[in-house]
Amino acid sequence: MRSRTAVNVLGITPAYAIPVFLRLRAGDTFQQGPWNLGRFSKPLGFIAVTYVVVLTVFFCLPQAYPMQVDNFNYAPITLGVVLLFAWISWITTGRKNYDMPTPTRTAEEAAIAGGMV
């Protein structure tokens, strides 16, 4: 049961941190949207990415000692396989086939559409 929790945390949590990390990596060339954290954006982004890295390391640690086949933590292996697959798929097809969506709405149209259910 604990191994499933570790795999879930390792699978979900980095997905939230990757866009934040890419925003930090872009630096001042990043174009902020209408809603942002202002001057707190970079420090909070750094804290968030650091927290996810620490959490990921903790969930990769062994869950019991001595390690045996029945209590081995397979979460790091699962994470490695998924990241390897994602990287290979990006290199082989993702870079060639991904197009950035073009914004088609004006701010006024988006505000009107946002109020609709």
PDB file of N, CA and C in Angstrom:
ATOM      1  N   MET A   1       0.815  -1.201   0.000  1.00  0.00           N
ATOM      2  CA  MET A   1       0.000   0.000   0.000  1.00  0.00           C
ATOM      3  C   MET A   1       0.854   1.259   0.000  1.00  0.00           C
ATOM      4  N   ARG A   2       1.905   1.281   0.817  1.00  0.00           N
ATOM      5  CA  ARG A   2       2.748   2.467   0.875  1.00  0.00           C
ATOM      6  C   ARG A   2       3.451   2.719  -0.450  1.00  0.00           C
ATOM      7  N   SER A   3       3.790   1.652  -1.157  1.00  0.00           N
ATOM      8  CA  SER A   3       4.473   1.806  -2.435  1.00  0.00           C
ATOM      9  C   SER A   3       3.565   2.510  -3.446  1.00  0.00           C
ATOM     10  N   ARG A   4       2.270   2.190  -3.426  1.00  0.00           N
ATOM     11  CA  ARG A   4       1.339   2.866  -4.333  1.00  0.00           C
ATOM     12  C   ARG A   4       1.263   4.353  -4.035  1.00  0.00           C
ATOM     13  N   THR A   5       1.294   4.708  -2.755  1.00  0.00           N
ATOM     14  CA  THR A   5       1.271   6.119  -2.388  1.00  0.00           C
ATOM     15  C   THR A   5       2.507   6.820  -2.906  1.00  0.00           C
ATOM     16  N   ALA A   6       3.666   6.197  -2.753  1.00  0.00           N
ATOM     17  CA  ALA A   6       4.908   6.794  -3.225  1.00  0.00           C
ATOM     18  C   ALA A   6       4.886   6.968  -4.740  1.00  0.00           C
ATOM     19  N   VAL A   7       4.393   5.977  -5.465  1.00  0.00           N
ATOM     20  CA  VAL A   7       4.326   6.078  -6.917  1.00  0.00           C
ATOM     21  C   VAL A   7       3.379   7.206  -7.314  1.00  0.00           C
ATOM     22  N   ASN A   8       2.244   7.334  -6.647  1.00  0.00           N
ATOM     23  CA  ASN A   8       1.299   8.407  -6.964  1.00  0.00           C
ATOM     24  C   ASN A   8       1.906   9.779  -6.712  1.00  0.00           C
ATOM     25  N   VAL A   9       2.559   9.941  -5.586  1.00  0.00           N
ATOM     26  CA  VAL A   9       3.171  11.241  -5.270  1.00  0.00           C
ATOM     27  C   VAL A   9       4.274  11.553  -6.269  1.00  0.00           C
ATOM     28  N   LEU A  10       5.084  10.559  -6.602  1.00  0.00           N
ATOM     29  CA  LEU A  10       6.158  10.781  -7.576  1.00  0.00           C
ATOM     30  C   LEU A  10       5.617  11.075  -8.963  1.00  0.00           C
ATOM     31  N   GLY A  11       4.455  10.571  -9.274  1.00  0.00           N
ATOM     32  CA  GLY A  11       3.881  10.820 -10.589  1.00  0.00           C
ATOM     33  C   GLY A  11       3.162  12.146 -10.700  1.00  0.00           C
ATOM     34  N   ILE A  12       2.500  12.554  -9.649  1.00  0.00           N
ATOM     35  CA  ILE A  12       1.679  13.754  -9.706  1.00  0.00           C
ATOM     36  C   ILE A  12       2.458  15.016  -9.362  1.00  0.00           C
ATOM     37  N   THR A  13       3.229  15.002  -8.307  1.00  0.00           N
ATOM     38  CA  THR A  13       3.859  16.211  -7.797  1.00  0.00           C
ATOM     39  C   THR A  13       4.838  16.854  -8.785  1.00  0.00           C
ATOM     40  N   PRO A  14       5.736  16.104  -9.436  1.00  0.00           N
ATOM     41  CA  PRO A  14       6.609  16.771 -10.408  1.00  0.00           C
ATOM     42  C   PRO A  14       5.847  17.402 -11.576  1.00  0.00           C
ATOM     43  N   ALA A  15       4.682  16.890 -11.889  1.00  0.00           N
ATOM     44  CA  ALA A  15       3.896  17.479 -12.974  1.00  0.00           C
ATOM     45  C   ALA A  15       3.496  18.917 -12.642  1.00  0.00           C
ATOM     46  N   TYR A  16       3.319  19.222 -11.374  1.00  0.00           N
ATOM     47  CA  TYR A  16       3.018  20.592 -10.973  1.00  0.00           C
ATOM     48  C   TYR A  16       4.267  21.462 -10.971  1.00  0.00           C
ATOM     49  N   ALA A  17       5.414  20.873 -10.679  1.00  0.00           N
ATOM     50  CA  ALA A  17       6.644  21.653 -10.544  1.00  0.00           C
ATOM     51  C   ALA A  17       7.319  21.936 -11.884  1.00  0.00           C
ATOM     52  N   ILE A  18       7.110  21.096 -12.881  1.00  0.00           N
ATOM     53  CA  ILE A  18       7.798  21.279 -14.162  1.00  0.00           C
ATOM     54  C   ILE A  18       7.460  22.625 -14.809  1.00  0.00           C
ATOM     55  N   PRO A  19       6.195  23.046 -14.910  1.00  0.00           N
ATOM     56  CA  PRO A  19       5.925  24.369 -15.492  1.00  0.00           C
ATOM     57  C   PRO A  19       6.525  25.509 -14.666  1.00  0.00           C
ATOM     58  N   VAL A  20       6.522  25.368 -13.351  1.00  0.00           N
ATOM     59  CA  VAL A  20       7.108  26.407 -12.491  1.00  0.00           C
ATOM     60  C   VAL A  20       8.615  26.482 -12.735  1.00  0.00           C
ATOM     61  N   PHE A  21       9.264  25.318 -12.835  1.00  0.00           N
ATOM     62  CA  PHE A  21      10.701  25.293 -13.112  1.00  0.00           C
ATOM     63  C   PHE A  21      11.005  25.927 -14.468  1.00  0.00           C
ATOM     64  N   LEU A  22      10.204  25.603 -15.482  1.00  0.00           N
ATOM     65  CA  LEU A  22      10.435  26.177 -16.807  1.00  0.00           C
ATOM     66  C   LEU A  22      10.231  27.684 -16.801  1.00  0.00           C
ATOM     67  N   ARG A  23       9.294  28.162 -16.006  1.00  0.00           N
ATOM     68  CA  ARG A  23       9.087  29.612 -15.872  1.00  0.00           C
ATOM     69  C   ARG A  23      10.304  30.254 -15.221  1.00  0.00           C
ATOM     70  N   LEU A  24      10.853  29.623 -14.184  1.00  0.00           N
ATOM     71  CA  LEU A  24      12.052  30.153 -13.535  1.00  0.00           C
ATOM     72  C   LEU A  24      13.244  30.135 -14.489  1.00  0.00           C
ATOM     73  N   ARG A  25      13.336  29.084 -15.269  1.00  0.00           N
ATOM     74  CA  ARG A  25      14.445  28.959 -16.217  1.00  0.00           C
ATOM     75  C   ARG A  25      14.370  30.011 -17.317  1.00  0.00           C
ATOM     76  N   ALA A  26      13.164  30.415 -17.690  1.00  0.00           N
ATOM     77  CA  ALA A  26      13.001  31.426 -18.731  1.00  0.00           C
ATOM     78  C   ALA A  26      13.482  32.796 -18.264  1.00  0.00           C
ATOM     79  N   GLY A  27      13.468  33.025 -16.966  1.00  0.00           N
ATOM     80  CA  GLY A  27      13.960  34.294 -16.431  1.00  0.00           C
ATOM     81  C   GLY A  27      13.101  35.471 -16.841  1.00  0.00           C
ATOM     82  N   ASP A  28      13.755  36.551 -17.257  1.00  0.00           N
ATOM     83  CA  ASP A  28      13.034  37.780 -17.603  1.00  0.00           C
ATOM     84  C   ASP A  28      12.405  37.729 -18.993  1.00  0.00           C
ATOM     85  N   THR A  29      12.716  36.697 -19.773  1.00  0.00           N
ATOM     86  CA  THR A  29      12.102  36.580 -21.096  1.00  0.00           C
ATOM     87  C   THR A  29      10.678  36.027 -21.009  1.00  0.00           C
ATOM     88  N   PHE A  30      10.283  35.532 -19.830  1.00  0.00           N
ATOM     89  CA  PHE A  30       8.941  34.973 -19.641  1.00  0.00           C
ATOM     90  C   PHE A  30       7.916  36.097 -19.655  1.00  0.00           C
ATOM     91  N   GLN A  31       6.877  35.936 -20.457  1.00  0.00           N
ATOM     92  CA  GLN A  31       5.815  36.931 -20.532  1.00  0.00           C
ATOM     93  C   GLN A  31       4.688  36.521 -19.586  1.00  0.00           C
ATOM     94  N   GLN A  32       4.512  37.295 -18.513  1.00  0.00           N
ATOM     95  CA  GLN A  32       3.493  36.960 -17.524  1.00  0.00           C
ATOM     96  C   GLN A  32       2.108  37.262 -18.059  1.00  0.00           C
ATOM     97  N   GLY A  33       1.164  36.452 -17.587  1.00  0.00           N
ATOM     98  CA  GLY A  33      -0.222  36.644 -17.965  1.00  0.00           C
ATOM     99  C   GLY A  33      -0.883  37.699 -17.087  1.00  0.00           C
ATOM    100  N   PRO A  34      -2.195  37.887 -17.250  1.00  0.00           N
ATOM    101  CA  PRO A  34      -2.891  38.919 -16.480  1.00  0.00           C
ATOM    102  C   PRO A  34      -2.931  38.615 -14.978  1.00  0.00           C
ATOM    103  N   TRP A  35      -2.916  37.331 -14.615  1.00  0.00           N
ATOM    104  CA  TRP A  35      -2.891  36.976 -13.199  1.00  0.00           C
ATOM    105  C   TRP A  35      -1.526  36.404 -12.891  1.00  0.00           C
ATOM    106  N   ASN A  36      -0.817  37.039 -11.948  1.00  0.00           N
ATOM    107  CA  ASN A  36       0.506  36.548 -11.557  1.00  0.00           C
ATOM    108  C   ASN A  36       0.779  36.963 -10.125  1.00  0.00           C
ATOM    109  N   LEU A  37       1.862  36.481  -9.583  1.00  0.00           N
ATOM    110  CA  LEU A  37       2.221  36.772  -8.198  1.00  0.00           C
ATOM    111  C   LEU A  37       3.119  37.984  -8.056  1.00  0.00           C
ATOM    112  N   GLY A  38       3.345  38.675  -9.149  1.00  0.00           N
ATOM    113  CA  GLY A  38       4.158  39.887  -9.113  1.00  0.00           C
ATOM    114  C   GLY A  38       5.587  39.603  -8.686  1.00  0.00           C
ATOM    115  N   ARG A  39       6.079  40.405  -7.749  1.00  0.00           N
ATOM    116  CA  ARG A  39       7.473  40.257  -7.317  1.00  0.00           C
ATOM    117  C   ARG A  39       7.702  38.988  -6.504  1.00  0.00           C
ATOM    118  N   PHE A  40       6.637  38.354  -6.040  1.00  0.00           N
ATOM    119  CA  PHE A  40       6.780  37.114  -5.271  1.00  0.00           C
ATOM    120  C   PHE A  40       6.840  35.878  -6.171  1.00  0.00           C
ATOM    121  N   SER A  41       6.670  36.054  -7.463  1.00  0.00           N
ATOM    122  CA  SER A  41       6.614  34.926  -8.386  1.00  0.00           C
ATOM    123  C   SER A  41       7.881  34.082  -8.367  1.00  0.00           C
ATOM    124  N   LYS A  42       9.034  34.721  -8.491  1.00  0.00           N
ATOM    125  CA  LYS A  42      10.289  33.963  -8.531  1.00  0.00           C
ATOM    126  C   LYS A  42      10.641  33.320  -7.188  1.00  0.00           C
ATOM    127  N   PRO A  43      10.551  34.046  -6.051  1.00  0.00           N
ATOM    128  CA  PRO A  43      10.879  33.382  -4.779  1.00  0.00           C
ATOM    129  C   PRO A  43       9.932  32.224  -4.447  1.00  0.00           C
ATOM    130  N   LEU A  44       8.642  32.398  -4.689  1.00  0.00           N
ATOM    131  CA  LEU A  44       7.701  31.316  -4.408  1.00  0.00           C
ATOM    132  C   LEU A  44       7.881  30.153  -5.373  1.00  0.00           C
ATOM    133  N   GLY A  45       8.232  30.446  -6.606  1.00  0.00           N
ATOM    134  CA  GLY A  45       8.523  29.391  -7.560  1.00  0.00           C
ATOM    135  C   GLY A  45       9.737  28.583  -7.141  1.00  0.00           C
ATOM    136  N   PHE A  46      10.774  29.265  -6.673  1.00  0.00           N
ATOM    137  CA  PHE A  46      11.975  28.575  -6.196  1.00  0.00           C
ATOM    138  C   PHE A  46      11.653  27.687  -5.000  1.00  0.00           C
ATOM    139  N   ILE A  47      10.864  28.218  -4.059  1.00  0.00           N
ATOM    140  CA  ILE A  47      10.469  27.432  -2.880  1.00  0.00           C
ATOM    141  C   ILE A  47       9.656  26.210  -3.310  1.00  0.00           C
ATOM    142  N   ALA A  48       8.734  26.397  -4.243  1.00  0.00           N
ATOM    143  CA  ALA A  48       7.885  25.289  -4.694  1.00  0.00           C
ATOM    144  C   ALA A  48       8.705  24.194  -5.371  1.00  0.00           C
ATOM    145  N   VAL A  49       9.623  24.587  -6.244  1.00  0.00           N
ATOM    146  CA  VAL A  49      10.431  23.585  -6.950  1.00  0.00           C
ATOM    147  C   VAL A  49      11.351  22.866  -5.961  1.00  0.00           C
ATOM    148  N   THR A  50      11.934  23.594  -5.029  1.00  0.00           N
ATOM    149  CA  THR A  50      12.793  22.980  -4.018  1.00  0.00           C
ATOM    150  C   THR A  50      12.006  21.997  -3.171  1.00  0.00           C
ATOM    151  N   TYR A  51      10.807  22.364  -2.773  1.00  0.00           N
ATOM    152  CA  TYR A  51       9.957  21.488  -1.973  1.00  0.00           C
ATOM    153  C   TYR A  51       9.646  20.193  -2.730  1.00  0.00           C
ATOM    154  N   VAL A  52       9.338  20.307  -4.013  1.00  0.00           N
ATOM    155  CA  VAL A  52       9.010  19.120  -4.805  1.00  0.00           C
ATOM    156  C   VAL A  52      10.237  18.226  -4.947  1.00  0.00           C
ATOM    157  N   VAL A  53      11.414  18.809  -5.127  1.00  0.00           N
ATOM    158  CA  VAL A  53      12.640  18.001  -5.238  1.00  0.00           C
ATOM    159  C   VAL A  53      12.886  17.248  -3.935  1.00  0.00           C
ATOM    160  N   VAL A  54      12.761  17.924  -2.793  1.00  0.00           N
ATOM    161  CA  VAL A  54      12.961  17.274  -1.491  1.00  0.00           C
ATOM    162  C   VAL A  54      11.923  16.176  -1.283  1.00  0.00           C
ATOM    163  N   LEU A  55      10.674  16.462  -1.583  1.00  0.00           N
ATOM    164  CA  LEU A  55       9.608  15.476  -1.438  1.00  0.00           C
ATOM    165  C   LEU A  55       9.852  14.262  -2.326  1.00  0.00           C
ATOM    166  N   THR A  56      10.307  14.499  -3.539  1.00  0.00           N
ATOM    167  CA  THR A  56      10.593  13.403  -4.457  1.00  0.00           C
ATOM    168  C   THR A  56      11.714  12.519  -3.919  1.00  0.00           C
ATOM    169  N   VAL A  57      12.741  13.133  -3.361  1.00  0.00           N
ATOM    170  CA  VAL A  57      13.844  12.355  -2.775  1.00  0.00           C
ATOM    171  C   VAL A  57      13.334  11.507  -1.612  1.00  0.00           C
ATOM    172  N   PHE A  58      12.513  12.082  -0.747  1.00  0.00           N
ATOM    173  CA  PHE A  58      11.988  11.329   0.392  1.00  0.00           C
ATOM    174  C   PHE A  58      11.137  10.137  -0.051  1.00  0.00           C
ATOM    175  N   PHE A  59      10.340  10.310  -1.083  1.00  0.00           N
ATOM    176  CA  PHE A  59       9.510   9.208  -1.548  1.00  0.00           C
ATOM    177  C   PHE A  59      10.294   8.172  -2.340  1.00  0.00           C
ATOM    178  N   CYS A  60      11.544   8.466  -2.684  1.00  0.00           N
ATOM    179  CA  CYS A  60      12.402   7.476  -3.352  1.00  0.00           C
ATOM    180  C   CYS A  60      13.203   6.647  -2.350  1.00  0.00           C
ATOM    181  N   LEU A  61      13.222   7.060  -1.093  1.00  0.00           N
ATOM    182  CA  LEU A  61      13.988   6.331  -0.083  1.00  0.00           C
ATOM    183  C   LEU A  61      13.346   4.983   0.230  1.00  0.00           C
ATOM    184  N   PRO A  62      14.143   4.040   0.733  1.00  0.00           N
ATOM    185  CA  PRO A  62      13.562   2.741   1.119  1.00  0.00           C
ATOM    186  C   PRO A  62      12.511   2.920   2.213  1.00  0.00           C
ATOM    187  N   GLN A  63      11.496   2.091   2.161  1.00  0.00           N
ATOM    188  CA  GLN A  63      10.401   2.207   3.123  1.00  0.00           C
ATOM    189  C   GLN A  63      10.573   1.299   4.325  1.00  0.00           C
ATOM    190  N   ALA A  64      11.456   0.335   4.224  1.00  0.00           N
ATOM    191  CA  ALA A  64      11.670  -0.591   5.335  1.00  0.00           C
ATOM    192  C   ALA A  64      13.111  -1.089   5.292  1.00  0.00           C
ATOM    193  N   TYR A  65      13.606  -1.490   6.431  1.00  0.00           N
ATOM    194  CA  TYR A  65      14.949  -2.048   6.522  1.00  0.00           C
ATOM    195  C   TYR A  65      14.879  -3.380   7.230  1.00  0.00           C
ATOM    196  N   PRO A  66      15.512  -4.403   6.820  1.00  0.00           N
ATOM    197  CA  PRO A  66      16.326  -4.540   5.614  1.00  0.00           C
ATOM    198  C   PRO A  66      15.449  -4.642   4.377  1.00  0.00           C
ATOM    199  N   MET A  67      15.981  -4.144   3.250  1.00  0.00           N
ATOM    200  CA  MET A  67      15.216  -4.195   2.006  1.00  0.00           C
ATOM    201  C   MET A  67      15.159  -5.624   1.483  1.00  0.00           C
ATOM    202  N   GLN A  68      13.958  -6.015   1.120  1.00  0.00           N
ATOM    203  CA  GLN A  68      13.728  -7.325   0.519  1.00  0.00           C
ATOM    204  C   GLN A  68      12.789  -7.137  -0.660  1.00  0.00           C
ATOM    205  N   VAL A  69      12.536  -8.183  -1.387  1.00  0.00           N
ATOM    206  CA  VAL A  69      11.674  -8.091  -2.563  1.00  0.00           C
ATOM    207  C   VAL A  69      10.267  -7.644  -2.186  1.00  0.00           C
ATOM    208  N   ASP A  70       9.739  -8.123  -1.067  1.00  0.00           N
ATOM    209  CA  ASP A  70       8.361  -7.791  -0.697  1.00  0.00           C
ATOM    210  C   ASP A  70       8.211  -6.396  -0.096  1.00  0.00           C
ATOM    211  N   ASN A  71       9.290  -5.738   0.359  1.00  0.00           N
ATOM    212  CA  ASN A  71       9.156  -4.382   0.901  1.00  0.00           C
ATOM    213  C   ASN A  71      10.015  -3.370   0.137  1.00  0.00           C
ATOM    214  N   PHE A  72      10.468  -3.731  -1.049  1.00  0.00           N
ATOM    215  CA  PHE A  72      11.291  -2.843  -1.868  1.00  0.00           C
ATOM    216  C   PHE A  72      10.444  -1.697  -2.411  1.00  0.00           C
ATOM    217  N   ASN A  73      11.002  -0.494  -2.434  1.00  0.00           N
ATOM    218  CA  ASN A  73      10.300   0.675  -2.940  1.00  0.00           C
ATOM    219  C   ASN A  73      10.520   0.779  -4.451  1.00  0.00           C
ATOM    220  N   TYR A  74       9.503   0.436  -5.212  1.00  0.00           N
ATOM    221  CA  TYR A  74       9.600   0.450  -6.667  1.00  0.00           C
ATOM    222  C   TYR A  74       9.279   1.825  -7.263  1.00  0.00           C
ATOM    223  N   ALA A  75       8.970   2.799  -6.441  1.00  0.00           N
ATOM    224  CA  ALA A  75       8.601   4.125  -6.929  1.00  0.00           C
ATOM    225  C   ALA A  75       9.709   4.780  -7.757  1.00  0.00           C
ATOM    226  N   PRO A  76      10.988   4.745  -7.325  1.00  0.00           N
ATOM    227  CA  PRO A  76      12.023   5.376  -8.156  1.00  0.00           C
ATOM    228  C   PRO A  76      12.185   4.706  -9.526  1.00  0.00           C
ATOM    229  N   ILE A  77      12.016   3.402  -9.561  1.00  0.00           N
ATOM    230  CA  ILE A  77      12.119   2.686 -10.835  1.00  0.00           C
ATOM    231  C   ILE A  77      10.966   3.087 -11.749  1.00  0.00           C
ATOM    232  N   THR A  78       9.779   3.163 -11.194  1.00  0.00           N
ATOM    233  CA  THR A  78       8.607   3.575 -11.968  1.00  0.00           C
ATOM    234  C   THR A  78       8.788   4.995 -12.493  1.00  0.00           C
ATOM    235  N   LEU A  79       9.250   5.898 -11.641  1.00  0.00           N
ATOM    236  CA  LEU A  79       9.485   7.284 -12.060  1.00  0.00           C
ATOM    237  C   LEU A  79      10.523   7.335 -13.178  1.00  0.00           C
ATOM    238  N   GLY A  80      11.604   6.589 -13.039  1.00  0.00           N
ATOM    239  CA  GLY A  80      12.641   6.574 -14.063  1.00  0.00           C
ATOM    240  C   GLY A  80      12.136   6.073 -15.403  1.00  0.00           C
ATOM    241  N   VAL A  81      11.324   5.017 -15.381  1.00  0.00           N
ATOM    242  CA  VAL A  81      10.778   4.463 -16.626  1.00  0.00           C
ATOM    243  C   VAL A  81       9.848   5.476 -17.294  1.00  0.00           C
ATOM    244  N   VAL A  82       8.986   6.110 -16.520  1.00  0.00           N
ATOM    245  CA  VAL A  82       8.045   7.084 -17.086  1.00  0.00           C
ATOM    246  C   VAL A  82       8.795   8.289 -17.646  1.00  0.00           C
ATOM    247  N   LEU A  83       9.782   8.814 -16.904  1.00  0.00           N
ATOM    248  CA  LEU A  83      10.545   9.959 -17.403  1.00  0.00           C
ATOM    249  C   LEU A  83      11.349   9.601 -18.651  1.00  0.00           C
ATOM    250  N   LEU A  84      11.908   8.407 -18.695  1.00  0.00           N
ATOM    251  CA  LEU A  84      12.642   7.960 -19.875  1.00  0.00           C
ATOM    252  C   LEU A  84      11.702   7.861 -21.076  1.00  0.00           C
ATOM    253  N   PHE A  85      10.522   7.280 -20.870  1.00  0.00           N
ATOM    254  CA  PHE A  85       9.543   7.176 -21.957  1.00  0.00           C
ATOM    255  C   PHE A  85       9.114   8.569 -22.442  1.00  0.00           C
ATOM    256  N   ALA A  86       8.859   9.488 -21.504  1.00  0.00           N
ATOM    257  CA  ALA A  86       8.448  10.841 -21.888  1.00  0.00           C
ATOM    258  C   ALA A  86       9.553  11.549 -22.666  1.00  0.00           C
ATOM    259  N   TRP A  87      10.789  11.394 -22.228  1.00  0.00           N
ATOM    260  CA  TRP A  87      11.907  12.036 -22.906  1.00  0.00           C
ATOM    261  C   TRP A  87      12.088  11.473 -24.316  1.00  0.00           C
ATOM    262  N   ILE A  88      12.020  10.151 -24.448  1.00  0.00           N
ATOM    263  CA  ILE A  88      12.174   9.523 -25.764  1.00  0.00           C
ATOM    264  C   ILE A  88      11.041   9.942 -26.699  1.00  0.00           C
ATOM    265  N   SER A  89       9.812   9.984 -26.186  1.00  0.00           N
ATOM    266  CA  SER A  89       8.689  10.384 -27.041  1.00  0.00           C
ATOM    267  C   SER A  89       8.798  11.854 -27.442  1.00  0.00           C
ATOM    268  N   TRP A  90       9.350  12.703 -26.583  1.00  0.00           N
ATOM    269  CA  TRP A  90       9.550  14.107 -26.938  1.00  0.00           C
ATOM    270  C   TRP A  90      10.617  14.237 -28.018  1.00  0.00           C
ATOM    271  N   ILE A  91      11.712  13.485 -27.866  1.00  0.00           N
ATOM    272  CA  ILE A  91      12.801  13.558 -28.840  1.00  0.00           C
ATOM    273  C   ILE A  91      12.358  13.017 -30.199  1.00  0.00           C
ATOM    274  N   THR A  92      11.619  11.916 -30.201  1.00  0.00           N
ATOM    275  CA  THR A  92      11.266  11.276 -31.469  1.00  0.00           C
ATOM    276  C   THR A  92      10.104  11.946 -32.194  1.00  0.00           C
ATOM    277  N   THR A  93       9.039  12.309 -31.487  1.00  0.00           N
ATOM    278  CA  THR A  93       7.866  12.866 -32.179  1.00  0.00           C
ATOM    279  C   THR A  93       7.375  14.188 -31.607  1.00  0.00           C
ATOM    280  N   GLY A  94       7.547  14.409 -30.344  1.00  0.00           N
ATOM    281  CA  GLY A  94       6.964  15.584 -29.698  1.00  0.00           C
ATOM    282  C   GLY A  94       7.462  16.905 -30.245  1.00  0.00           C
ATOM    283  N   ARG A  95       8.770  17.027 -30.430  1.00  0.00           N
ATOM    284  CA  ARG A  95       9.333  18.286 -30.929  1.00  0.00           C
ATOM    285  C   ARG A  95       8.822  18.636 -32.311  1.00  0.00           C
ATOM    286  N   LYS A  96       8.599  17.623 -33.132  1.00  0.00           N
ATOM    287  CA  LYS A  96       8.189  17.863 -34.516  1.00  0.00           C
ATOM    288  C   LYS A  96       6.693  18.142 -34.643  1.00  0.00           C
ATOM    289  N   ASN A  97       5.894  17.586 -33.759  1.00  0.00           N
ATOM    290  CA  ASN A  97       4.446  17.630 -33.930  1.00  0.00           C
ATOM    291  C   ASN A  97       3.724  18.608 -33.013  1.00  0.00           C
ATOM    292  N   TYR A  98       4.402  19.208 -32.064  1.00  0.00           N
ATOM    293  CA  TYR A  98       3.711  20.091 -31.119  1.00  0.00           C
ATOM    294  C   TYR A  98       3.728  21.519 -31.622  1.00  0.00           C
ATOM    295  N   ASP A  99       2.567  22.109 -31.767  1.00  0.00           N
ATOM    296  CA  ASP A  99       2.442  23.512 -32.153  1.00  0.00           C
ATOM    297  C   ASP A  99       1.799  24.272 -31.008  1.00  0.00           C
ATOM    298  N   MET A 100       2.317  25.439 -30.731  1.00  0.00           N
ATOM    299  CA  MET A 100       1.739  26.276 -29.682  1.00  0.00           C
ATOM    300  C   MET A 100       0.371  26.761 -30.135  1.00  0.00           C
ATOM    301  N   PRO A 101      -0.631  26.713 -29.244  1.00  0.00           N
ATOM    302  CA  PRO A 101      -1.949  27.220 -29.628  1.00  0.00           C
ATOM    303  C   PRO A 101      -1.902  28.739 -29.789  1.00  0.00           C
ATOM    304  N   THR A 102      -2.646  29.232 -30.749  1.00  0.00           N
ATOM    305  CA  THR A 102      -2.694  30.677 -30.959  1.00  0.00           C
ATOM    306  C   THR A 102      -3.896  31.242 -30.214  1.00  0.00           C
ATOM    307  N   PRO A 103      -3.709  32.353 -29.510  1.00  0.00           N
ATOM    308  CA  PRO A 103      -4.844  32.959 -28.805  1.00  0.00           C
ATOM    309  C   PRO A 103      -5.819  33.548 -29.824  1.00  0.00           C
ATOM    310  N   THR A 104      -7.084  33.200 -29.661  1.00  0.00           N
ATOM    311  CA  THR A 104      -8.094  33.674 -30.609  1.00  0.00           C
ATOM    312  C   THR A 104      -9.087  34.630 -29.965  1.00  0.00           C
ATOM    313  N   ARG A 105      -9.044  34.742 -28.672  1.00  0.00           N
ATOM    314  CA  ARG A 105     -10.004  35.599 -27.974  1.00  0.00           C
ATOM    315  C   ARG A 105      -9.342  36.894 -27.525  1.00  0.00           C
ATOM    316  N   THR A 106     -10.136  37.927 -27.492  1.00  0.00           N
ATOM    317  CA  THR A 106      -9.680  39.158 -26.868  1.00  0.00           C
ATOM    318  C   THR A 106      -9.958  39.047 -25.372  1.00  0.00           C
ATOM    319  N   ALA A 107      -9.394  39.937 -24.613  1.00  0.00           N
ATOM    320  CA  ALA A 107      -9.612  39.904 -23.168  1.00  0.00           C
ATOM    321  C   ALA A 107     -11.095  40.061 -22.833  1.00  0.00           C
ATOM    322  N   GLU A 108     -11.793  40.890 -23.590  1.00  0.00           N
ATOM    323  CA  GLU A 108     -13.220  41.102 -23.334  1.00  0.00           C
ATOM    324  C   GLU A 108     -14.019  39.832 -23.615  1.00  0.00           C
ATOM    325  N   GLU A 109     -13.724  39.135 -24.702  1.00  0.00           N
ATOM    326  CA  GLU A 109     -14.420  37.889 -25.018  1.00  0.00           C
ATOM    327  C   GLU A 109     -14.129  36.816 -23.979  1.00  0.00           C
ATOM    328  N   ALA A 110     -12.899  36.772 -23.494  1.00  0.00           N
ATOM    329  CA  ALA A 110     -12.551  35.797 -22.464  1.00  0.00           C
ATOM    330  C   ALA A 110     -13.292  36.086 -21.170  1.00  0.00           C
ATOM    331  N   ALA A 111     -13.443  37.353 -20.809  1.00  0.00           N
ATOM    332  CA  ALA A 111     -14.163  37.715 -19.593  1.00  0.00           C
ATOM    333  C   ALA A 111     -15.642  37.350 -19.712  1.00  0.00           C
ATOM    334  N   ILE A 112     -16.213  37.577 -20.869  1.00  0.00           N
ATOM    335  CA  ILE A 112     -17.624  37.214 -21.090  1.00  0.00           C
ATOM    336  C   ILE A 112     -17.785  35.707 -21.031  1.00  0.00           C
ATOM    337  N   ALA A 113     -16.896  34.973 -21.698  1.00  0.00           N
ATOM    338  CA  ALA A 113     -16.977  33.505 -21.712  1.00  0.00           C
ATOM    339  C   ALA A 113     -16.730  32.925 -20.329  1.00  0.00           C
ATOM    340  N   GLY A 114     -15.898  33.582 -19.532  1.00  0.00           N
ATOM    341  CA  GLY A 114     -15.607  33.096 -18.191  1.00  0.00           C
ATOM    342  C   GLY A 114     -16.805  33.152 -17.272  1.00  0.00           C
ATOM    343  N   GLY A 115     -17.728  34.051 -17.515  1.00  0.00           N
ATOM    344  CA  GLY A 115     -18.917  34.177 -16.690  1.00  0.00           C
ATOM    345  C   GLY A 115     -20.012  33.217 -17.076  1.00  0.00           C
ATOM    346  N   MET A 116     -19.870  32.537 -18.190  1.00  0.00           N
ATOM    347  CA  MET A 116     -20.896  31.601 -18.658  1.00  0.00           C
ATOM    348  C   MET A 116     -20.683  30.238 -18.062  1.00  0.00           C
ATOM    349  N   VAL A 117     -21.793  29.553 -17.838  1.00  0.00           N
ATOM    350  CA  VAL A 117     -21.703  28.191 -17.299  1.00  0.00           C
ATOM    351  C   VAL A 117     -21.981  27.209 -18.386  1.00  0.00           C
TER     352      VAL A 117
END
